[in-house]
Amino acid sequence: MPLLDHFNPPLSRTHPWRSFHGAWAAAMARLLNQGVLPTGYYAVPLVDRDGPIEIDVAALHDQEASNSASGGVEPRTWAAPAPAVAVAVDLATVDGVEVQVFAEQGDPRLAAAVELLSPRNKDRPAARQAFAVKCVGYLQQGSSVVVVDTVTTRRADLKSTILSLLGVDMGAAALPPASLSAVSYRAVGRDDELQQLEVWPAPLALGQPLPTLPLWIASDYSVPLDLEASYQMTCADLRIHPAPVRPLPTADSD
């Protein structure tokens, strides 16, 4: 299923982006909960009236995902690729501080979050900075975050804002700017020392399928976040179909 433009006509008239993002978040959570997440983890979609749509993944207290997978019930079948960027950062010096994933019992611990960007997140410098602070806050509390940007009406690159807040130079990290992208972030290391920021960026393009990114729910355990599968499910649920491709004229048609 090619990525469609949900922020301009005709889709913006028939299927407003906010309703589509809400359905997409629900589809992501459903797929994660149906066999992707190990026992003790669950995903829930959250809707912020003025901000992005989130999927949160929570865990049972401080349970490590590898513990549930090592008992022979849920063997590990997927390994994350190496990060495109791995750089030392000092999260303690950053001021500030969604599908989210939580645990089933007791006080849930946020393990990971997925953020579907809204036009407002990319609109003004202050809005972009506020969103970057939110994402860094996830990293500071030990959660990973995936940011999915399909907003075609704004050209700002939130990835550069997030990395700049962390003191990472985009050029030095060899990350080209991209107005549409999906990026997975996590920080590894102890809170009282420099940590290593790991980044898995994937540029997005209209007309192209979406990627699968690692969603880190523990320091040593990730699950695949299949954006293409959830996107296809959402489009099917909402009866959204790509416009037919018109064939190029041939010499005989003149």
Protein backbone atom coordinates (compact mmCIF):
# COMPACT_ATOMS: atom_id res chain seq x y z
CA MET A 1 0.00 0.00 0.00
CA PRO A 2 1.67 3.27 -1.02
CA LEU A 3 1.76 6.13 1.46
CA LEU A 4 -1.03 8.57 0.58
CA ASP A 5 -1.37 12.29 1.24
CA HIS A 6 -3.84 12.61 4.11
CA PHE A 7 -3.38 16.38 4.54
CA ASN A 8 -4.48 17.61 1.10
CA PRO A 9 -7.53 16.97 -1.07
CA PRO A 10 -9.11 14.66 -1.89
CA LEU A 11 -8.35 12.62 1.26
CA SER A 12 -8.35 15.65 3.56
CA ARG A 13 -12.00 16.18 2.60
CA THR A 14 -13.23 12.59 2.74
CA HIS A 15 -11.07 11.27 5.60
CA PRO A 16 -9.71 14.09 7.82
CA TRP A 17 -6.18 13.38 9.05
CA ARG A 18 -7.18 13.37 12.71
CA SER A 19 -9.72 10.59 12.22
CA PHE A 20 -7.24 8.64 10.10
CA HIS A 21 -4.47 8.99 12.69
CA GLY A 22 -6.83 7.86 15.43
CA ALA A 23 -7.72 4.75 13.43
CA TRP A 24 -4.05 4.15 12.55
CA ALA A 25 -3.02 4.33 16.21
CA ALA A 26 -5.74 1.83 17.09
CA ALA A 27 -4.51 -0.50 14.33
CA MET A 28 -0.91 -0.24 15.58
CA ALA A 29 -1.96 -1.07 19.12
CA ARG A 30 -4.10 -3.96 17.92
CA LEU A 31 -1.25 -5.51 15.92
CA LEU A 32 1.21 -5.06 18.79
CA ASN A 33 -1.20 -6.70 21.22
CA GLN A 34 -1.94 -9.63 18.89
CA GLY A 35 1.28 -11.56 19.29
CA VAL A 36 4.04 -8.99 18.75
CA LEU A 37 4.47 -7.86 22.36
CA PRO A 38 5.59 -10.47 24.92
CA THR A 39 3.56 -11.39 27.99
CA GLY A 40 3.30 -8.54 30.49
CA TYR A 41 3.23 -5.76 27.90
CA TYR A 42 0.30 -4.05 26.23
CA ALA A 43 -0.27 -1.12 23.88
CA VAL A 44 -2.96 1.55 24.06
CA PRO A 45 -3.75 4.42 21.66
CA LEU A 46 -4.04 7.92 23.13
CA VAL A 47 -5.49 10.99 21.43
CA ASP A 48 -4.38 14.51 22.34
CA ARG A 49 -6.91 17.07 21.12
CA ASP A 50 -4.30 19.57 19.96
CA GLY A 51 -1.21 17.44 19.58
CA PRO A 52 -0.04 14.18 18.09
CA ILE A 53 -1.72 10.80 18.30
CA GLU A 54 0.20 8.40 20.55
CA ILE A 55 0.51 4.68 21.06
CA ASP A 56 1.91 3.83 24.49
CA VAL A 57 3.50 0.51 25.40
CA ALA A 58 3.58 -0.38 29.08
CA ALA A 59 5.29 -3.10 31.10
CA LEU A 60 4.61 -4.88 34.37
CA HIS A 61 6.61 -2.84 36.89
CA ASP A 62 10.29 -3.17 35.89
CA GLN A 63 9.89 -6.52 34.19
CA GLU A 64 12.39 -7.13 31.41
CA ALA A 65 10.87 -8.41 28.18
CA SER A 66 13.67 -10.92 27.80
CA ASN A 67 12.55 -12.60 31.03
CA SER A 68 9.17 -13.50 29.57
CA ALA A 69 10.68 -14.55 26.27
CA SER A 70 13.35 -16.75 27.83
CA GLY A 71 10.92 -19.15 29.43
CA GLY A 72 10.36 -21.00 26.17
CA VAL A 73 6.82 -19.71 25.71
CA GLU A 74 7.64 -16.74 23.51
CA PRO A 75 10.88 -17.37 21.61
CA ARG A 76 12.57 -14.38 20.13
CA THR A 77 12.20 -14.37 16.34
CA TRP A 78 13.18 -10.83 15.33
CA ALA A 79 16.42 -8.93 15.75
CA ALA A 80 16.76 -5.18 15.28
CA PRO A 81 19.21 -3.96 12.64
CA ALA A 82 22.23 -1.92 13.69
CA PRO A 83 21.40 1.75 14.33
CA ALA A 84 22.31 4.29 11.68
CA VAL A 85 23.54 6.63 14.43
CA ALA A 86 25.13 5.82 17.81
CA VAL A 87 26.46 8.84 19.67
CA ALA A 88 27.13 9.78 23.30
CA VAL A 89 24.65 12.22 24.84
CA ASP A 90 24.15 13.72 28.30
CA LEU A 91 20.41 13.48 28.92
CA ALA A 92 20.74 14.98 32.40
CA THR A 93 21.60 18.39 30.92
CA VAL A 94 18.47 18.62 28.76
CA ASP A 95 15.68 20.69 30.30
CA GLY A 96 12.11 19.48 30.16
CA VAL A 97 10.65 16.64 30.99
CA GLU A 98 2.07 8.55 21.40
CA VAL A 99 1.10 4.71 21.05
CA GLN A 100 2.36 3.86 24.64
CA VAL A 101 3.03 0.32 25.93
CA PHE A 102 2.19 -0.51 29.58
CA ALA A 103 2.24 -3.43 32.04
CA GLU A 104 -0.85 -5.37 33.04
CA GLN A 105 -0.55 -5.29 36.85
CA GLY A 106 0.37 -2.71 39.45
CA ASP A 107 1.58 0.70 38.44
CA PRO A 108 2.42 0.53 34.73
CA ARG A 109 5.88 1.45 33.53
CA LEU A 110 6.03 3.20 30.17
CA ALA A 111 8.31 1.11 27.98
CA ALA A 112 7.89 2.82 24.61
CA ALA A 113 5.84 5.40 22.77
CA VAL A 114 4.91 5.95 19.14
CA GLU A 115 4.06 9.49 18.08
CA LEU A 116 2.10 10.31 14.92
CA LEU A 117 2.90 13.94 14.16
CA SER A 118 0.22 16.56 13.60
CA PRO A 119 0.56 19.73 11.50
CA ARG A 120 0.68 21.76 14.70
CA ASN A 121 3.84 19.92 15.84
CA LYS A 122 5.65 21.20 12.72
CA ASP A 123 4.08 24.65 12.52
CA ARG A 124 6.16 27.07 14.63
CA PRO A 125 9.62 26.85 16.20
CA ALA A 126 8.06 26.88 19.68
CA ALA A 127 5.78 23.96 18.78
CA ARG A 128 8.67 21.99 17.30
CA GLN A 129 10.78 22.64 20.39
CA ALA A 130 7.95 21.56 22.70
CA PHE A 131 7.56 18.30 20.81
CA ALA A 132 11.32 17.69 20.89
CA VAL A 133 11.33 18.25 24.67
CA LYS A 134 8.54 15.69 25.00
CA CYS A 135 10.52 13.09 23.04
CA VAL A 136 13.70 13.75 25.02
CA GLY A 137 11.59 13.34 28.15
CA TYR A 138 10.73 9.80 27.06
CA LEU A 139 14.43 9.03 26.67
CA GLN A 140 15.24 10.58 30.05
CA GLN A 141 12.75 8.29 31.81
CA GLY A 142 14.15 5.20 30.09
CA SER A 143 11.51 4.79 27.40
CA SER A 144 12.13 4.50 23.68
CA VAL A 145 10.16 6.54 21.16
CA VAL A 146 9.26 6.22 17.49
CA VAL A 147 8.22 9.39 15.64
CA VAL A 148 6.18 9.00 12.44
CA ASP A 149 5.89 12.13 10.30
CA THR A 150 3.53 11.98 7.32
CA VAL A 151 2.52 15.66 7.47
CA THR A 152 2.76 17.02 3.92
CA THR A 153 1.56 20.56 4.66
CA ARG A 154 4.65 21.49 6.70
CA ARG A 155 8.26 20.93 5.63
CA ALA A 156 10.05 21.15 9.00
CA ASP A 157 12.24 18.19 9.97
CA LEU A 158 11.45 17.28 13.59
CA LYS A 159 14.37 14.85 13.61
CA SER A 160 16.81 17.74 13.40
CA THR A 161 15.01 19.55 16.24
CA ILE A 162 15.19 16.49 18.50
CA LEU A 163 18.86 15.83 17.74
CA SER A 164 19.75 19.50 18.16
CA LEU A 165 18.17 19.49 21.62
CA LEU A 166 20.38 16.51 22.46
CA GLY A 167 23.47 18.30 21.17
CA VAL A 168 23.87 16.04 18.13
CA ASP A 169 24.96 17.64 14.86
CA MET A 170 22.90 16.35 11.92
CA GLY A 171 25.78 16.77 9.49
CA ALA A 172 28.26 14.98 11.72
CA ALA A 173 25.73 12.18 12.18
CA ALA A 174 25.42 11.92 8.38
CA LEU A 175 21.63 12.22 8.56
CA PRO A 176 20.13 14.10 5.61
CA PRO A 177 17.07 16.24 6.38
CA ALA A 178 13.70 14.75 5.45
CA SER A 179 10.30 16.43 5.69
CA LEU A 180 8.61 12.99 5.87
CA SER A 181 10.19 10.27 7.98
CA ALA A 182 9.80 7.56 10.60
CA VAL A 183 12.53 7.43 13.24
CA SER A 184 13.15 5.12 16.21
CA TYR A 185 15.14 6.50 19.17
CA ARG A 186 16.49 4.95 22.34
CA ALA A 187 19.16 5.82 24.93
CA VAL A 188 21.38 3.13 26.42
CA GLY A 189 23.44 3.40 29.60
CA ARG A 190 23.21 4.40 33.25
CA ASP A 191 21.41 7.58 34.30
CA ASP A 192 24.46 8.94 36.15
CA GLU A 193 26.80 8.85 33.15
CA LEU A 194 26.91 9.69 29.47
CA GLN A 195 24.45 7.55 27.58
CA GLN A 196 24.51 6.35 24.00
CA LEU A 197 21.76 7.61 21.75
CA GLU A 198 20.84 5.12 19.02
CA VAL A 199 18.76 6.20 16.04
CA TRP A 200 17.05 4.23 13.28
CA PRO A 201 15.85 6.74 10.65
CA ALA A 202 13.74 5.86 7.61
CA PRO A 203 12.74 8.49 5.02
CA LEU A 204 9.14 8.31 3.83
CA ALA A 205 7.79 9.21 0.40
CA LEU A 206 4.31 9.46 -1.04
CA GLY A 207 3.59 6.49 -3.25
CA GLN A 208 6.06 4.24 -1.43
CA PRO A 209 5.44 1.54 1.22
CA LEU A 210 6.23 2.21 4.87
CA PRO A 211 9.12 0.63 6.80
CA THR A 212 9.39 -1.66 9.82
CA LEU A 213 11.29 -0.08 12.73
CA PRO A 214 12.55 -1.49 16.03
CA LEU A 215 10.39 -0.63 19.02
CA TRP A 216 12.59 -1.05 22.10
CA ILE A 217 10.58 -2.16 25.12
CA ALA A 218 13.60 -3.12 27.27
CA SER A 219 17.32 -2.47 27.17
CA ASP A 220 17.96 -5.79 25.47
CA TYR A 221 14.67 -6.45 23.70
CA SER A 222 12.89 -4.91 20.74
CA VAL A 223 9.85 -5.87 18.69
CA PRO A 224 9.09 -4.97 15.07
CA LEU A 225 6.81 -1.98 14.55
CA ASP A 226 5.39 -2.82 11.12
CA LEU A 227 4.08 0.53 9.92
CA GLU A 228 3.08 -0.87 6.53
CA ALA A 229 0.87 -3.59 8.02
CA SER A 230 -0.98 -1.20 10.34
CA TYR A 231 -1.31 1.37 7.54
CA GLN A 232 -2.81 -1.21 5.18
CA MET A 233 -5.22 -2.32 7.90
CA THR A 234 -6.32 1.27 8.55
CA CYS A 235 -6.87 2.07 4.88
CA ALA A 236 -8.90 -1.13 4.47
CA ASP A 237 -10.99 -0.40 7.57
CA LEU A 238 -11.77 3.12 6.31
CA ARG A 239 -12.24 2.06 2.67
CA ILE A 240 -9.37 4.19 1.46
CA HIS A 241 -7.88 3.09 -1.84
CA PRO A 242 -4.98 4.59 -3.79
CA ALA A 243 -6.00 6.52 -6.87
CA PRO A 244 -5.61 4.42 -10.02
CA VAL A 245 -2.48 5.17 -11.97
CA ARG A 246 -3.36 6.60 -15.36
CA PRO A 247 -1.39 4.93 -18.16
CA LEU A 248 0.94 7.10 -20.16
CA PRO A 249 -0.34 7.95 -23.65
CA THR A 250 1.11 5.93 -26.47
CA ALA A 251 1.92 6.99 -29.98
CA ASP A 252 -1.16 5.12 -31.26
CA SER A 253 -3.46 7.20 -29.03
CA ASP A 254 -2.68 10.49 -30.76
